[in-house]
C-alpha atoms as a PDB file:
ATOM      1  CA  UNK A   1     -15.866 -37.317  26.043  1.00  0.00           C
ATOM      2  CA  UNK A   2     -16.705 -33.766  24.877  1.00  0.00           C
ATOM      3  CA  UNK A   3     -12.938 -32.777  25.281  1.00  0.00           C
ATOM      4  CA  UNK A   4     -12.354 -35.563  22.446  1.00  0.00           C
ATOM      5  CA  UNK A   5     -14.750 -34.608  20.394  1.00  0.00           C
ATOM      6  CA  UNK A   6     -13.712 -30.955  20.326  1.00  0.00           C
ATOM      7  CA  UNK A   7     -10.117 -31.801  19.508  1.00  0.00           C
ATOM      8  CA  UNK A   8     -11.185 -34.022  16.704  1.00  0.00           C
ATOM      9  CA  UNK A   9     -13.257 -31.193  15.235  1.00  0.00           C
ATOM     10  CA  UNK A  10      -9.954 -28.907  15.737  1.00  0.00           C
ATOM     11  CA  UNK A  11      -7.874 -31.309  13.898  1.00  0.00           C
ATOM     12  CA  UNK A  12     -10.535 -31.437  11.270  1.00  0.00           C
ATOM     13  CA  UNK A  13     -10.683 -27.468  10.900  1.00  0.00           C
ATOM     14  CA  UNK A  14      -6.928 -27.268  10.337  1.00  0.00           C
ATOM     15  CA  UNK A  15      -7.480 -29.154   7.472  1.00  0.00           C
ATOM     16  CA  UNK A  16      -9.892 -26.495   6.051  1.00  0.00           C
ATOM     17  CA  UNK A  17     -13.234 -27.314   7.553  1.00  0.00           C
ATOM     18  CA  UNK A  18     -16.086 -29.273   6.153  1.00  0.00           C
ATOM     19  CA  UNK A  19     -18.703 -26.683   6.243  1.00  0.00           C
ATOM     20  CA  UNK A  20     -19.504 -23.217   4.164  1.00  0.00           C
ATOM     21  CA  UNK A  21     -18.622 -21.086   7.203  1.00  0.00           C
ATOM     22  CA  UNK A  22     -15.733 -23.099   8.009  1.00  0.00           C
ATOM     23  CA  UNK A  23     -14.178 -23.014   4.442  1.00  0.00           C
ATOM     24  CA  UNK A  24     -14.823 -19.175   4.187  1.00  0.00           C
ATOM     25  CA  UNK A  25     -13.044 -18.431   7.560  1.00  0.00           C
ATOM     26  CA  UNK A  26     -10.052 -20.466   6.468  1.00  0.00           C
ATOM     27  CA  UNK A  27      -9.519 -18.837   3.429  1.00  0.00           C
ATOM     28  CA  UNK A  28      -8.349 -15.993   5.890  1.00  0.00           C
ATOM     29  CA  UNK A  29      -5.285 -18.421   6.670  1.00  0.00           C
ATOM     30  CA  UNK A  30      -3.526 -17.161   3.165  1.00  0.00           C
ATOM     31  CA  UNK A  31      -5.284 -13.731   2.718  1.00  0.00           C
ATOM     32  CA  UNK A  32      -3.538 -12.353   5.808  1.00  0.00           C
ATOM     33  CA  UNK A  33      -0.194 -12.637   4.244  1.00  0.00           C
ATOM     34  CA  UNK A  34      -1.286 -10.080   1.395  1.00  0.00           C
ATOM     35  CA  UNK A  35      -2.673  -7.688   3.907  1.00  0.00           C
ATOM     36  CA  UNK A  36       0.597  -7.369   5.809  1.00  0.00           C
ATOM     37  CA  UNK A  37       2.771  -7.478   2.511  1.00  0.00           C
ATOM     38  CA  UNK A  38       0.569  -4.894   0.561  1.00  0.00           C
ATOM     39  CA  UNK A  39      -0.613  -3.061   3.540  1.00  0.00           C
ATOM     40  CA  UNK A  40       1.421  -3.636   6.445  1.00  0.00           C
ATOM     41  CA  UNK A  41      -1.248  -4.597   8.438  1.00  0.00           C
ATOM     42  CA  UNK A  42      -0.401  -7.797  10.920  1.00  0.00           C
ATOM     43  CA  UNK A  43      -2.804  -9.726  12.902  1.00  0.00           C
ATOM     44  CA  UNK A  44      -3.382  -8.512  16.473  1.00  0.00           C
ATOM     45  CA  UNK A  45      -3.441 -11.753  17.654  1.00  0.00           C
ATOM     46  CA  UNK A  46      -7.487 -11.850  18.710  1.00  0.00           C
ATOM     47  CA  UNK A  47     -10.419 -12.422  17.193  1.00  0.00           C
ATOM     48  CA  UNK A  48     -14.327 -12.730  18.276  1.00  0.00           C
ATOM     49  CA  UNK A  49     -17.367 -14.221  17.380  1.00  0.00           C
ATOM     50  CA  UNK A  50     -20.683 -12.519  18.166  1.00  0.00           C
ATOM     51  CA  UNK A  51     -24.243 -14.554  19.091  1.00  0.00           C
ATOM     52  CA  UNK A  52     -27.194 -13.170  20.199  1.00  0.00           C
ATOM     53  CA  UNK A  53     -27.439 -14.453  23.715  1.00  0.00           C
ATOM     54  CA  UNK A  54     -30.267 -16.366  24.973  1.00  0.00           C
ATOM     55  CA  UNK A  55     -31.599 -17.553  28.186  1.00  0.00           C
ATOM     56  CA  UNK A  56     -31.948 -21.435  29.282  1.00  0.00           C
ATOM     57  CA  UNK A  57     -30.005 -24.387  29.621  1.00  0.00           C
ATOM     58  CA  UNK A  58     -29.332 -25.251  25.929  1.00  0.00           C
ATOM     59  CA  UNK A  59     -27.226 -21.571  25.559  1.00  0.00           C
ATOM     60  CA  UNK A  60     -25.719 -22.306  28.990  1.00  0.00           C
ATOM     61  CA  UNK A  61     -24.460 -25.820  27.983  1.00  0.00           C
ATOM     62  CA  UNK A  62     -22.881 -24.445  24.704  1.00  0.00           C
ATOM     63  CA  UNK A  63     -20.931 -21.893  26.481  1.00  0.00           C
ATOM     64  CA  UNK A  64     -19.916 -24.888  29.137  1.00  0.00           C
ATOM     65  CA  UNK A  65     -18.573 -26.638  25.921  1.00  0.00           C
ATOM     66  CA  UNK A  66     -16.614 -23.793  24.477  1.00  0.00           C
ATOM     67  CA  UNK A  67     -14.875 -23.490  27.725  1.00  0.00           C
ATOM     68  CA  UNK A  68     -13.929 -27.074  27.991  1.00  0.00           C
ATOM     69  CA  UNK A  69     -12.844 -26.911  24.550  1.00  0.00           C
ATOM     70  CA  UNK A  70     -10.293 -24.157  25.147  1.00  0.00           C
ATOM     71  CA  UNK A  71      -9.015 -25.924  28.088  1.00  0.00           C
ATOM     72  CA  UNK A  72      -8.595 -29.150  26.460  1.00  0.00           C
ATOM     73  CA  UNK A  73      -7.157 -27.762  23.408  1.00  0.00           C
ATOM     74  CA  UNK A  74      -4.227 -26.048  25.301  1.00  0.00           C
ATOM     75  CA  UNK A  75      -1.630 -28.837  24.654  1.00  0.00           C
ATOM     76  CA  UNK A  76      -2.388 -28.552  20.822  1.00  0.00           C
ATOM     77  CA  UNK A  77      -2.779 -24.816  20.248  1.00  0.00           C
ATOM     78  CA  UNK A  78      -2.023 -21.506  22.295  1.00  0.00           C
ATOM     79  CA  UNK A  79      -5.451 -20.135  23.122  1.00  0.00           C
ATOM     80  CA  UNK A  80      -7.010 -17.393  25.832  1.00  0.00           C
ATOM     81  CA  UNK A  81     -10.778 -17.135  26.228  1.00  0.00           C
ATOM     82  CA  UNK A  82     -13.065 -14.426  27.354  1.00  0.00           C
ATOM     83  CA  UNK A  83     -16.518 -13.510  26.804  1.00  0.00           C
ATOM     84  CA  UNK A  84     -18.320 -10.168  26.984  1.00  0.00           C
ATOM     85  CA  UNK A  85     -22.005  -9.179  26.568  1.00  0.00           C
ATOM     86  CA  UNK A  86     -22.580  -5.668  24.666  1.00  0.00           C
ATOM     87  CA  UNK A  87     -25.360  -3.509  25.252  1.00  0.00           C
ATOM     88  CA  UNK A  88     -27.239  -5.050  22.568  1.00  0.00           C
ATOM     89  CA  UNK A  89     -27.323  -8.302  24.031  1.00  0.00           C
ATOM     90  CA  UNK A  90     -24.726 -10.088  22.242  1.00  0.00           C
ATOM     91  CA  UNK A  91     -22.391 -12.271  23.702  1.00  0.00           C
ATOM     92  CA  UNK A  92     -18.670 -11.973  22.264  1.00  0.00           C
ATOM     93  CA  UNK A  93     -16.421 -15.006  22.579  1.00  0.00           C
ATOM     94  CA  UNK A  94     -12.957 -13.395  21.860  1.00  0.00           C
ATOM     95  CA  UNK A  95      -9.565 -15.850  21.514  1.00  0.00           C
ATOM     96  CA  UNK A  96      -6.373 -14.409  21.845  1.00  0.00           C
ATOM     97  CA  UNK A  97      -3.562 -16.409  20.239  1.00  0.00           C
ATOM     98  CA  UNK A  98      -0.001 -16.031  18.744  1.00  0.00           C
ATOM     99  CA  UNK A  99      -1.005 -17.620  15.541  1.00  0.00           C
ATOM    100  CA  UNK A 100      -3.843 -16.653  13.140  1.00  0.00           C
ATOM    101  CA  UNK A 101      -4.067 -20.667  12.514  1.00  0.00           C
ATOM    102  CA  UNK A 102      -4.798 -21.110  16.015  1.00  0.00           C
ATOM    103  CA  UNK A 103      -7.608 -18.325  15.979  1.00  0.00           C
ATOM    104  CA  UNK A 104      -9.009 -19.876  13.159  1.00  0.00           C
ATOM    105  CA  UNK A 105      -9.098 -23.483  14.466  1.00  0.00           C
ATOM    106  CA  UNK A 106     -10.578 -22.220  17.553  1.00  0.00           C
ATOM    107  CA  UNK A 107     -13.217 -20.003  16.007  1.00  0.00           C
ATOM    108  CA  UNK A 108     -14.464 -22.797  13.689  1.00  0.00           C
ATOM    109  CA  UNK A 109     -14.587 -25.346  16.779  1.00  0.00           C
ATOM    110  CA  UNK A 110     -16.931 -22.796  18.557  1.00  0.00           C
ATOM    111  CA  UNK A 111     -18.842 -22.278  15.544  1.00  0.00           C
ATOM    112  CA  UNK A 112     -19.452 -26.017  15.366  1.00  0.00           C
ATOM    113  CA  UNK A 113     -20.375 -26.095  19.308  1.00  0.00           C
ATOM    114  CA  UNK A 114     -22.698 -22.980  18.740  1.00  0.00           C
ATOM    115  CA  UNK A 115     -24.560 -24.978  15.693  1.00  0.00           C
ATOM    116  CA  UNK A 116     -24.942 -28.202  17.333  1.00  0.00           C
ATOM    117  CA  UNK A 117     -26.734 -26.692  20.088  1.00  0.00           C
ATOM    118  CA  UNK A 118     -29.006 -25.197  17.831  1.00  0.00           C
ATOM    119  CA  UNK A 119     -28.149 -21.632  17.960  1.00  0.00           C
ATOM    120  CA  UNK A 120     -26.902 -20.969  13.921  1.00  0.00           C
ATOM    121  CA  UNK A 121     -29.562 -18.489  13.417  1.00  0.00           C
ATOM    122  CA  UNK A 122     -28.244 -16.326  16.158  1.00  0.00           C
ATOM    123  CA  UNK A 123     -24.799 -16.453  14.771  1.00  0.00           C
ATOM    124  CA  UNK A 124     -23.982 -12.602  14.005  1.00  0.00           C
ATOM    125  CA  UNK A 125     -20.031 -12.090  12.780  1.00  0.00           C
ATOM    126  CA  UNK A 126     -16.682 -13.056  13.239  1.00  0.00           C
ATOM    127  CA  UNK A 127     -14.222  -9.977  13.914  1.00  0.00           C
ATOM    128  CA  UNK A 128     -10.497 -10.000  12.990  1.00  0.00           C
ATOM    129  CA  UNK A 129      -8.816  -7.148  14.333  1.00  0.00           C
ATOM    130  CA  UNK A 130      -5.345  -6.065  12.296  1.00  0.00           C
ATOM    131  CA  UNK A 131      -2.874  -3.602  13.578  1.00  0.00           C
ATOM    132  CA  UNK A 132      -0.753  -1.353  11.277  1.00  0.00           C
ATOM    133  CA  UNK A 133       2.913  -1.118  11.340  1.00  0.00           C
ATOM    134  CA  UNK A 134       2.807   1.742   9.381  1.00  0.00           C
ATOM    135  CA  UNK A 135       1.351   4.073  12.613  1.00  0.00           C
ATOM    136  CA  UNK A 136       3.010   7.107  11.257  1.00  0.00           C
ATOM    137  CA  UNK A 137       0.760   7.047   8.369  1.00  0.00           C
ATOM    138  CA  UNK A 138      -2.551   5.595   9.723  1.00  0.00           C
ATOM    139  CA  UNK A 139      -2.774   7.323  13.145  1.00  0.00           C
ATOM    140  CA  UNK A 140      -5.229   5.775  15.185  1.00  0.00           C
ATOM    141  CA  UNK A 141      -7.307   4.152  12.953  1.00  0.00           C
ATOM    142  CA  UNK A 142      -8.520   0.761  13.739  1.00  0.00           C
ATOM    143  CA  UNK A 143      -8.733  -2.068  11.308  1.00  0.00           C
ATOM    144  CA  UNK A 144     -11.205  -5.086  11.020  1.00  0.00           C
ATOM    145  CA  UNK A 145     -12.105  -7.802   8.743  1.00  0.00           C
ATOM    146  CA  UNK A 146     -15.721  -8.811   9.664  1.00  0.00           C
ATOM    147  CA  UNK A 147     -17.196 -12.194   8.592  1.00  0.00           C
ATOM    148  CA  UNK A 148     -21.078 -11.764   7.913  1.00  0.00           C
ATOM    149  CA  UNK A 149     -22.724 -15.171   9.055  1.00  0.00           C
ATOM    150  CA  UNK A 150     -25.732 -14.028   6.884  1.00  0.00           C
ATOM    151  CA  UNK A 151     -23.962 -13.303   3.890  1.00  0.00           C
ATOM    152  CA  UNK A 152     -21.331 -15.969   4.317  1.00  0.00           C
ATOM    153  CA  UNK A 153     -18.398 -13.309   3.415  1.00  0.00           C
ATOM    154  CA  UNK A 154     -16.077 -10.875   4.510  1.00  0.00           C
ATOM    155  CA  UNK A 155     -16.111  -6.959   4.615  1.00  0.00           C
ATOM    156  CA  UNK A 156     -13.590  -4.305   5.742  1.00  0.00           C
ATOM    157  CA  UNK A 157     -14.374  -2.044   8.726  1.00  0.00           C
ATOM    158  CA  UNK A 158     -12.022   0.612   9.323  1.00  0.00           C
ATOM    159  CA  UNK A 159     -12.729   2.952  12.536  1.00  0.00           C
ATOM    160  CA  UNK A 160     -11.299   6.457  12.394  1.00  0.00           C
ATOM    161  CA  UNK A 161     -12.778   7.051  16.069  1.00  0.00           C
ATOM    162  CA  UNK A 162     -15.973   9.297  17.203  1.00  0.00           C
ATOM    163  CA  UNK A 163     -18.215   6.759  15.080  1.00  0.00           C
ATOM    164  CA  UNK A 164     -16.348   7.470  11.903  1.00  0.00           C
ATOM    165  CA  UNK A 165     -15.185   5.287   9.278  1.00  0.00           C
ATOM    166  CA  UNK A 166     -12.609   5.391   6.661  1.00  0.00           C
ATOM    167  CA  UNK A 167     -13.731   4.161   3.574  1.00  0.00           C
ATOM    168  CA  UNK A 168     -10.736   4.802   1.258  1.00  0.00           C
ATOM    169  CA  UNK A 169      -8.714   2.340   3.737  1.00  0.00           C
ATOM    170  CA  UNK A 170     -11.346   0.121   3.502  1.00  0.00           C
ATOM    171  CA  UNK A 171     -11.447   0.148  -0.009  1.00  0.00           C
ATOM    172  CA  UNK A 172      -7.655  -0.834   0.038  1.00  0.00           C
ATOM    173  CA  UNK A 173      -8.258  -3.747   1.966  1.00  0.00           C
ATOM    174  CA  UNK A 174     -10.880  -4.850  -0.630  1.00  0.00           C
ATOM    175  CA  UNK A 175      -8.395  -4.280  -3.191  1.00  0.00           C
ATOM    176  CA  UNK A 176      -5.635  -6.345  -1.538  1.00  0.00           C
ATOM    177  CA  UNK A 177      -7.768  -9.336  -0.362  1.00  0.00           C
ATOM    178  CA  UNK A 178     -11.041  -9.208  -2.607  1.00  0.00           C
ATOM    179  CA  UNK A 179      -9.812 -11.970  -4.825  1.00  0.00           C
ATOM    180  CA  UNK A 180      -8.528 -14.256  -1.812  1.00  0.00           C
ATOM    181  CA  UNK A 181     -11.441 -14.352   0.335  1.00  0.00           C
ATOM    182  CA  UNK A 182     -15.286 -14.520  -0.080  1.00  0.00           C
ATOM    183  CA  UNK A 183     -15.909 -10.764  -0.268  1.00  0.00           C
ATOM    184  CA  UNK A 184     -19.130  -8.785   0.002  1.00  0.00           C
ATOM    185  CA  UNK A 185     -19.247  -6.500  -2.983  1.00  0.00           C
ATOM    186  CA  UNK A 186     -22.182  -4.404  -2.123  1.00  0.00           C
ATOM    187  CA  UNK A 187     -20.576  -1.495  -0.132  1.00  0.00           C
ATOM    188  CA  UNK A 188     -24.066  -0.833   1.197  1.00  0.00           C
ATOM    189  CA  UNK A 189     -23.768  -4.176   3.695  1.00  0.00           C
ATOM    190  CA  UNK A 190     -20.281  -3.110   4.960  1.00  0.00           C
ATOM    191  CA  UNK A 191     -22.007  -2.579   8.503  1.00  0.00           C
ATOM    192  CA  UNK A 192     -20.151  -0.800  10.999  1.00  0.00           C
ATOM    193  CA  UNK A 193     -19.789  -2.423  14.181  1.00  0.00           C
ATOM    194  CA  UNK A 194     -18.582   0.189  16.782  1.00  0.00           C
ATOM    195  CA  UNK A 195     -17.268  -0.263  20.186  1.00  0.00           C
ATOM    196  CA  UNK A 196     -15.912  -3.684  19.448  1.00  0.00           C
ATOM    197  CA  UNK A 197     -14.704  -5.657  22.361  1.00  0.00           C
ATOM    198  CA  UNK A 198     -11.415  -6.179  20.778  1.00  0.00           C
END
């Protein structure tokens, strides 16, 4: 059954994953502690994976398998799931959960489903939003760690509203976790993603 297959992947994923992207994503399971202790940033309880939407049965079947996985995994992990298609034609699969480990296991299993259906080249990014517990200092800024599939690494994005970014805060994030996760050293490749659905 598909559900049992996904649960096996889920259990494998929680042990650290078996592919490059899975290992890179799971490095965040410890790095998020540094974000909290050094910068006062906490996980928002959400993450989203972005894939270029396509027509056809295979793409539809992939989405159905993801939905079945989320339903079948309910006894083991606490995840909510929804999808959004943005104005650029990218499908965002959004997860919500109380633990970062559950989010990482869920997003890694979605990654598996997408790749097994032959859409690996259409994967764009995984976005992890963070909240500041120092709101009086940081104001309305929005904090993200973005995993870039093409580069197999993370970079920070701090939105300061009105399509402006705060590079100073982004540099602080790099300083805090740049040695703990695969990090993009070339700042020219820290692409801003505006109007994120998380």
